[in-house]
N, C-alpha and C. Protein backbone atom coordinates (compact mmCIF):
# COMPACT_ATOMS: atom_id res chain seq x y z
N MET A 1 -10.06 2.62 10.17
CA MET A 1 -11.38 1.43 10.89
C MET A 1 -12.27 2.02 9.91
N THR A 2 -13.33 1.12 9.43
CA THR A 2 -14.00 2.14 8.57
C THR A 2 -15.29 2.03 8.98
N GLY A 3 -16.09 1.03 9.73
CA GLY A 3 -16.80 1.08 10.74
C GLY A 3 -16.89 0.33 12.35
N HIS A 4 -18.71 0.34 11.89
CA HIS A 4 -18.16 0.04 13.67
C HIS A 4 -17.92 -1.67 13.95
N THR A 5 -18.11 -2.49 13.05
CA THR A 5 -17.37 -3.28 13.03
C THR A 5 -16.46 -3.62 13.19
N ASP A 6 -15.23 -2.66 12.36
CA ASP A 6 -13.55 -3.03 12.53
C ASP A 6 -13.09 -2.43 14.25
N LYS A 7 -14.24 -1.50 14.73
CA LYS A 7 -13.45 -0.44 15.68
C LYS A 7 -14.09 -2.23 17.23
N ALA A 8 -15.52 -2.83 16.60
CA ALA A 8 -15.60 -3.73 17.47
C ALA A 8 -14.26 -4.74 18.20
N ALA A 9 -14.16 -4.98 16.59
CA ALA A 9 -12.37 -6.46 16.44
C ALA A 9 -11.55 -5.62 16.78
N TYR A 10 -10.94 -4.57 16.63
CA TYR A 10 -10.16 -3.34 16.98
C TYR A 10 -9.47 -3.42 18.04
N GLU A 11 -11.35 -3.18 19.49
CA GLU A 11 -10.84 -3.20 20.53
C GLU A 11 -11.13 -4.29 20.59
N ALA A 12 -11.38 -5.61 20.11
CA ALA A 12 -10.96 -6.72 21.17
C ALA A 12 -10.18 -7.26 20.66
N ASN A 13 -9.33 -7.13 19.88
CA ASN A 13 -7.74 -7.28 19.43
C ASN A 13 -8.26 -8.63 18.86
N SER A 14 -8.83 -8.17 17.52
CA SER A 14 -9.35 -9.64 17.13
C SER A 14 -9.84 -9.65 15.65
N LEU A 15 -8.16 -8.05 14.96
CA LEU A 15 -8.16 -8.36 13.37
C LEU A 15 -7.85 -9.22 13.10
N ARG A 16 -8.16 -9.10 11.32
CA ARG A 16 -7.48 -10.14 10.96
C ARG A 16 -6.12 -9.24 9.70
N GLY A 17 -5.76 -10.63 8.64
CA GLY A 17 -5.49 -10.46 7.95
C GLY A 17 -3.92 -11.03 7.66
N ASP A 18 -3.97 -12.30 8.20
CA ASP A 18 -2.43 -13.06 8.60
C ASP A 18 -3.47 -14.02 6.69
N PHE A 19 -1.98 -15.09 7.25
CA PHE A 19 -1.75 -16.31 6.87
C PHE A 19 -2.19 -17.51 7.19
N TYR A 20 -3.08 -18.35 7.53
CA TYR A 20 -3.87 -19.58 8.03
C TYR A 20 -2.72 -20.75 7.66
N ASN A 21 -2.37 -21.18 8.47
CA ASN A 21 -2.21 -23.34 7.40
C ASN A 21 -3.41 -23.94 8.16
N SER A 22 -3.77 -25.22 7.00
CA SER A 22 -4.73 -25.50 6.73
C SER A 22 -5.32 -26.36 7.46
N ASP A 23 -6.76 -26.61 7.93
CA ASP A 23 -6.77 -27.61 9.19
C ASP A 23 -6.69 -29.34 8.81
N VAL A 24 -7.10 -29.19 7.60
CA VAL A 24 -7.55 -30.42 7.04
C VAL A 24 -6.80 -30.68 5.57
N GLY A 25 -5.82 -31.50 4.56
CA GLY A 25 -5.64 -30.82 3.51
C GLY A 25 -5.71 -29.64 2.83
N PHE A 26 -6.63 -29.04 1.77
CA PHE A 26 -6.32 -27.76 1.81
C PHE A 26 -7.69 -26.89 1.82
N SER A 27 -8.48 -27.09 3.04
CA SER A 27 -9.11 -26.45 3.89
C SER A 27 -8.88 -25.63 4.58
N ARG A 28 -9.91 -24.99 5.26
CA ARG A 28 -10.12 -24.21 6.49
C ARG A 28 -11.16 -24.06 7.12
N THR A 29 -11.56 -24.23 8.38
CA THR A 29 -12.97 -24.23 8.58
C THR A 29 -12.62 -22.71 9.69
N GLU A 30 -13.13 -21.55 9.77
CA GLU A 30 -12.63 -21.12 10.50
C GLU A 30 -14.40 -20.42 11.35
N SER A 31 -14.64 -19.77 12.79
CA SER A 31 -15.52 -19.32 12.96
C SER A 31 -15.44 -17.00 13.68
N LEU A 32 -17.00 -16.97 12.62
CA LEU A 32 -16.53 -15.65 13.24
C LEU A 32 -17.43 -14.91 13.54
N SER A 33 -16.78 -13.67 15.05
CA SER A 33 -17.61 -13.11 16.03
C SER A 33 -18.35 -12.16 15.43
N TYR A 34 -17.82 -11.63 13.71
CA TYR A 34 -19.25 -10.58 13.84
C TYR A 34 -19.48 -10.80 12.39
N ARG A 35 -20.87 -10.09 12.42
CA ARG A 35 -22.12 -10.80 11.17
C ARG A 35 -21.55 -9.85 10.19
N GLY A 36 -21.74 -9.57 9.37
CA GLY A 36 -21.76 -8.60 8.26
C GLY A 36 -20.92 -8.24 7.24
N VAL A 37 -20.64 -8.63 6.05
CA VAL A 37 -20.03 -8.26 4.87
C VAL A 37 -18.71 -8.51 5.61
N HIS A 38 -18.30 -9.07 4.87
CA HIS A 38 -16.26 -9.31 5.29
C HIS A 38 -15.91 -9.64 3.65
N PHE A 39 -14.79 -8.96 3.41
CA PHE A 39 -13.77 -8.45 2.31
C PHE A 39 -12.95 -9.58 2.24
N VAL A 40 -12.42 -10.34 1.21
CA VAL A 40 -11.59 -11.83 1.51
C VAL A 40 -10.95 -12.12 0.15
N GLU A 41 -9.72 -13.09 0.43
CA GLU A 41 -9.07 -13.53 -0.21
C GLU A 41 -8.22 -14.53 -0.04
N ALA A 42 -7.80 -15.28 -1.03
CA ALA A 42 -7.32 -17.02 -0.53
C ALA A 42 -6.65 -16.96 -1.45
N PHE A 43 -5.37 -17.66 -0.44
CA PHE A 43 -3.37 -17.33 -1.34
C PHE A 43 -3.80 -19.07 -1.27
N LEU A 44 -2.81 -20.14 -2.28
CA LEU A 44 -1.85 -21.50 -2.56
C LEU A 44 -1.18 -20.72 -2.04
N VAL A 45 -0.20 -21.18 -1.12
CA VAL A 45 0.89 -21.03 -0.35
C VAL A 45 1.78 -22.13 -0.22
N GLY A 46 2.88 -22.89 -0.90
CA GLY A 46 3.10 -24.42 -0.96
C GLY A 46 3.32 -24.45 0.50
N LYS A 47 2.94 -25.26 1.27
CA LYS A 47 3.79 -26.07 2.55
C LYS A 47 5.28 -26.18 2.90
N SER A 48 5.78 -26.47 1.70
CA SER A 48 7.11 -26.98 1.56
C SER A 48 8.59 -25.41 1.28
N ASP A 49 7.78 -24.95 0.60
CA ASP A 49 8.36 -23.99 0.12
C ASP A 49 8.25 -22.39 0.55
N GLY A 50 7.25 -22.35 0.98
CA GLY A 50 7.05 -21.13 0.93
C GLY A 50 6.64 -20.49 0.00
N ARG A 51 6.23 -21.07 -0.80
CA ARG A 51 5.81 -20.08 -2.33
C ARG A 51 4.39 -19.72 -2.72
N LEU A 52 4.16 -18.02 -3.34
CA LEU A 52 2.42 -18.31 -3.09
C LEU A 52 2.89 -19.35 -4.86
N TYR A 53 1.61 -20.59 -5.08
CA TYR A 53 1.34 -20.33 -6.62
C TYR A 53 0.09 -20.06 -6.97
N GLY A 54 -0.27 -19.30 -6.47
CA GLY A 54 -2.02 -18.51 -7.04
C GLY A 54 -2.73 -17.78 -5.86
N LYS A 55 -3.92 -17.03 -6.30
CA LYS A 55 -4.62 -16.46 -5.43
C LYS A 55 -5.16 -15.71 -5.85
N SER A 56 -6.93 -15.98 -5.23
CA SER A 56 -8.16 -15.33 -5.71
C SER A 56 -8.16 -14.02 -5.56
N GLU A 57 -9.54 -13.26 -6.83
CA GLU A 57 -10.04 -12.33 -6.63
C GLU A 57 -10.07 -11.72 -5.28
N PRO A 58 -10.13 -10.74 -4.94
CA PRO A 58 -10.92 -10.58 -3.82
C PRO A 58 -12.31 -10.30 -3.92
N PHE A 59 -13.10 -10.68 -3.04
CA PHE A 59 -14.32 -11.37 -3.01
C PHE A 59 -15.21 -11.00 -1.21
N TYR A 60 -16.33 -10.44 -1.51
CA TYR A 60 -16.61 -10.16 -0.23
C TYR A 60 -17.85 -12.14 0.22
N VAL A 61 -18.25 -11.52 1.70
CA VAL A 61 -18.41 -13.13 1.91
C VAL A 61 -19.64 -12.27 3.18
N VAL A 62 -21.17 -12.79 2.66
CA VAL A 62 -22.03 -12.53 3.38
C VAL A 62 -22.41 -13.10 5.30
N ILE A 63 -22.28 -13.11 5.68
CA ILE A 63 -22.18 -13.69 7.54
C ILE A 63 -23.54 -13.39 7.90
N GLU A 64 -24.90 -14.00 8.66
CA GLU A 64 -26.06 -13.34 8.51
C GLU A 64 -25.69 -13.46 10.46
């Protein structure tokens, strides 16, 4: 845990870091409980075979 937000997420059992299915097509919408800078990576995983077809470079998203 590196900061106050990390500690709050940990205590709320809200840590992230897993793979999630798309909502519709190739898109996914999520809500966030914590403002600040979030470290993100995107992965393209085949639905039928679970194979990794691509991934993004890590990037940051600012949530205000």
